[in-house]
C-alpha cells in the first residue's frame, strides 16, 4: 500500500518512514493520517485500492456507512456554534455547512483542526501545535490563505485572533466548539 496507494506528498506527511508510520498507526491509521476517514471507511477504501473489493461493493459499503453517520451528524450540528467533522472533512459554522472542498486543502484543514483542538482545551495555538517543522510566521500565513477562501465565513475569520508572537487563539467559548471524530459518530 505504501508505494501503490500513497503519493509522494502523502508519504512525506508520514515522514517518508514506512516502518515508523506502520508501527505508529498500522495500515488503517496511516490511511486516516493522510486521507482522513473513520476506521470503517478507511478499511473499505484500502480494500478497494489494493484490488480486494469490487467497485459496486465499495460504493455500497460506503453508502451504508454514510447513512448511519448523517442522521447523527444532523443532531450534533445544532448543538454548537462551530462543528468540525474529521471525516468526511466538513466544517459547520452557525449551524450551516461551509461549502469548501477540504480534501484539496490539507494544510488549511490541519491548521483549522489544530486551532479548534487548542481552543477546546483552552490553550494558545502556536506553530509547535502542528506536526513538522514550521516557522513562527507559518500560522499567520496559513490563516491568511484560509480566510481568503471565498466561502470561508468572515465572522469565523474574525474569531481567529493573535495571542502573542507566532501564536493565535480562537475567540469562541469552548462549550460552543465540537470536533466530531470519525470513530465517535455512532454507527
Protein backbone atom coordinates (compact mmCIF):
# COMPACT_ATOMS: atom_id res chain seq x y z
CA UNK A 1 0.00 0.00 0.00
CA UNK A 2 2.89 2.39 0.77
CA UNK A 3 4.08 2.67 -2.84
CA UNK A 4 0.89 1.64 -4.59
CA UNK A 5 -1.67 3.88 -2.86
CA UNK A 6 0.16 6.82 -1.32
CA UNK A 7 1.54 9.70 -3.36
CA UNK A 8 5.00 11.10 -2.66
CA UNK A 9 3.34 14.01 -0.80
CA UNK A 10 1.33 11.61 1.37
CA UNK A 11 4.42 9.54 2.16
CA UNK A 12 6.17 12.79 3.13
CA UNK A 13 3.32 13.53 5.58
CA UNK A 14 4.28 10.23 7.20
CA UNK A 15 7.93 11.39 7.30
CA UNK A 16 8.90 9.05 4.42
CA UNK A 17 9.41 6.33 7.01
CA UNK A 18 7.25 3.27 6.40
CA UNK A 19 8.47 1.33 9.44
CA UNK A 20 7.80 4.19 11.85
CA UNK A 21 4.41 5.00 10.27
CA UNK A 22 3.31 1.37 10.31
CA UNK A 23 4.49 0.83 13.89
CA UNK A 24 2.72 4.02 15.00
CA UNK A 25 -0.57 3.81 13.08
CA UNK A 26 -0.78 0.40 11.35
CA UNK A 27 -2.41 0.21 7.91
CA UNK A 28 -5.78 1.85 8.58
CA UNK A 29 -4.18 4.50 10.77
CA UNK A 30 -1.70 5.51 8.06
CA UNK A 31 -4.59 5.90 5.61
CA UNK A 32 -6.54 8.00 8.09
CA UNK A 33 -3.49 10.12 8.85
CA UNK A 34 -3.08 11.24 5.24
CA UNK A 35 -6.60 10.92 3.81
CA UNK A 36 -8.87 11.15 6.82
CA UNK A 37 -11.89 8.99 7.41
CA UNK A 38 -13.19 6.77 10.11
CA UNK A 39 -11.67 3.34 10.55
CA UNK A 40 -14.53 1.58 8.77
CA UNK A 41 -14.47 3.79 5.66
CA UNK A 42 -10.68 3.64 5.59
CA UNK A 43 -10.76 -0.16 5.62
CA UNK A 44 -13.26 -0.18 2.73
CA UNK A 45 -11.17 2.31 0.72
CA UNK A 46 -7.96 0.38 1.35
CA UNK A 47 -9.55 -2.90 0.27
CA UNK A 48 -10.75 -1.26 -2.94
CA UNK A 49 -7.41 0.48 -3.57
CA UNK A 50 -5.46 -2.76 -3.42
CA UNK A 51 -7.98 -4.66 -5.55
CA UNK A 52 -9.64 -6.74 -2.82
CA UNK A 53 -13.08 -5.16 -3.20
CA UNK A 54 -15.14 -4.54 -6.33
CA UNK A 55 -16.36 -1.02 -7.19
CA UNK A 56 -20.04 -1.90 -6.60
CA UNK A 57 -19.26 -3.41 -3.18
CA UNK A 58 -17.04 -0.42 -2.32
CA UNK A 59 -19.80 2.04 -3.21
CA UNK A 60 -22.50 0.04 -1.39
CA UNK A 61 -20.47 -0.23 1.83
CA UNK A 62 -19.59 3.48 1.83
CA UNK A 63 -23.27 4.37 1.27
CA UNK A 64 -24.30 2.28 4.28
CA UNK A 65 -21.63 3.87 6.48
CA UNK A 66 -22.56 7.37 5.31
CA UNK A 67 -26.29 6.96 6.02
CA UNK A 68 -25.63 5.91 9.61
CA UNK A 69 -23.31 8.86 10.19
CA UNK A 70 -25.53 11.54 8.61
CA UNK A 71 -28.52 11.12 10.91
CA UNK A 72 -26.31 11.52 13.99
CA UNK A 73 -24.41 14.44 12.45
CA UNK A 74 -27.62 16.41 11.89
CA UNK A 75 -28.29 16.23 15.63
CA UNK A 76 -24.74 17.33 16.54
CA UNK A 77 -24.59 20.35 14.21
CA UNK A 78 -27.35 22.18 16.09
CA UNK A 79 -25.61 21.74 19.43
CA UNK A 80 -22.57 24.02 18.87
CA UNK A 81 -21.61 27.20 17.04
CA UNK A 82 -18.64 25.56 15.32
CA UNK A 83 -18.59 21.87 14.46
CA UNK A 84 -15.65 20.33 12.66
CA UNK A 85 -16.10 16.79 11.32
CA UNK A 86 -12.99 14.69 10.86
CA UNK A 87 -14.38 12.57 8.02
CA UNK A 88 -15.65 13.30 5.60
CA UNK A 89 -13.96 16.63 6.28
CA UNK A 90 -16.68 19.16 6.98
CA UNK A 91 -17.00 22.46 8.80
CA UNK A 92 -20.25 23.84 10.18
CA UNK A 93 -20.41 27.46 11.36
CA UNK A 94 -23.54 28.90 12.96
CA UNK A 95 -25.34 25.63 12.11
CA UNK A 96 -24.62 25.91 8.37
CA UNK A 97 -22.18 23.85 6.36
CA UNK A 98 -19.21 25.79 4.99
CA UNK A 99 -19.02 24.70 1.35
CA UNK A 100 -15.28 24.23 0.87
CA UNK A 101 -13.65 21.11 -0.55
CA UNK A 102 -11.34 20.37 2.37
CA UNK A 103 -9.87 17.28 0.69
CA UNK A 104 -7.84 19.56 -1.59
CA UNK A 105 -6.81 21.94 1.20
CA UNK A 106 -4.95 19.64 3.57
CA UNK A 107 -2.68 22.25 5.21
CA UNK A 108 -5.59 24.62 5.84
CA UNK A 109 -7.66 21.76 7.25
CA UNK A 110 -4.85 20.66 9.59
CA UNK A 111 -4.43 24.26 10.75
CA UNK A 112 -8.15 24.62 11.45
CA UNK A 113 -8.38 21.27 13.23
CA UNK A 114 -5.39 22.11 15.46
CA UNK A 115 -6.74 25.60 16.19
CA UNK A 116 -10.07 24.16 17.33
CA UNK A 117 -8.38 21.42 19.38
CA UNK A 118 -6.34 24.05 21.24
CA UNK A 119 -9.40 26.25 21.78
CA UNK A 120 -11.38 23.36 23.26
CA UNK A 121 -8.54 22.75 25.74
CA UNK A 122 -8.26 26.47 26.49
CA UNK A 123 -4.73 26.57 25.07
CA UNK A 124 -2.95 29.09 22.89
CA UNK A 125 -2.27 27.83 19.36
CA UNK A 126 1.32 28.17 18.15
CA UNK A 127 3.44 26.64 15.41
CA UNK A 128 4.58 23.90 17.77
CA UNK A 129 0.96 22.65 17.84
CA UNK A 130 1.37 21.40 14.27
CA UNK A 131 3.38 18.39 13.20
CA UNK A 132 6.55 19.02 11.25
CA UNK A 133 8.93 21.91 11.48
CA UNK A 134 7.08 25.20 10.97
CA UNK A 135 8.48 28.68 11.47
CA UNK A 136 6.88 31.25 13.78
CA UNK A 137 5.21 33.00 10.81
CA UNK A 138 3.55 29.87 9.45
CA UNK A 139 0.30 30.38 11.37
CA UNK A 140 -0.26 33.90 10.08
CA UNK A 141 0.47 32.75 6.51
CA UNK A 142 -1.91 29.80 6.65
CA UNK A 143 -4.60 31.86 8.42
CA UNK A 144 -4.39 34.44 5.65
CA UNK A 145 -4.72 31.73 2.99
CA UNK A 146 -7.65 30.12 4.82
CA UNK A 147 -9.60 33.30 5.49
CA UNK A 148 -9.05 34.43 1.88
CA UNK A 149 -11.06 31.48 0.57
CA UNK A 150 -14.26 32.88 -0.93
CA UNK A 151 -16.57 30.57 1.02
CA UNK A 152 -14.82 30.92 4.39
CA UNK A 153 -17.13 32.83 6.76
CA UNK A 154 -15.85 36.29 7.64
CA UNK A 155 -17.45 36.10 11.07
CA UNK A 156 -15.43 32.96 11.80
CA UNK A 157 -12.24 34.57 10.46
CA UNK A 158 -12.82 37.44 12.91
CA UNK A 159 -12.73 34.93 15.79
CA UNK A 160 -9.12 33.92 15.00
CA UNK A 161 -7.07 36.40 16.99
CA UNK A 162 -3.36 36.95 17.59
CA UNK A 163 -2.18 35.79 21.02
CA UNK A 164 1.44 36.87 21.04
CA UNK A 165 4.29 36.44 18.58
CA UNK A 166 3.63 33.40 16.42
CA UNK A 167 0.55 32.43 18.44
CA UNK A 168 -3.19 32.60 17.90
CA UNK A 169 -6.39 31.86 19.75
CA UNK A 170 -9.93 31.12 18.71
CA UNK A 171 -12.24 33.58 20.48
CA UNK A 172 -15.17 31.21 20.89
CA UNK A 173 -16.29 29.63 24.15
CA UNK A 174 -15.08 26.01 24.33
CA UNK A 175 -18.66 24.90 25.06
CA UNK A 176 -19.60 26.16 21.59
CA UNK A 177 -16.92 24.09 19.83
CA UNK A 178 -17.17 20.48 18.80
CA UNK A 179 -14.91 18.11 16.93
CA UNK A 180 -16.64 15.01 15.65
CA UNK A 181 -14.03 12.31 15.40
CA UNK A 182 -14.79 9.61 12.87
CA UNK A 183 -14.79 6.90 15.48
CA UNK A 184 -17.18 8.90 17.73
CA UNK A 185 -20.11 9.07 15.33
CA UNK A 186 -22.32 6.15 16.33
CA UNK A 187 -22.87 3.55 13.65
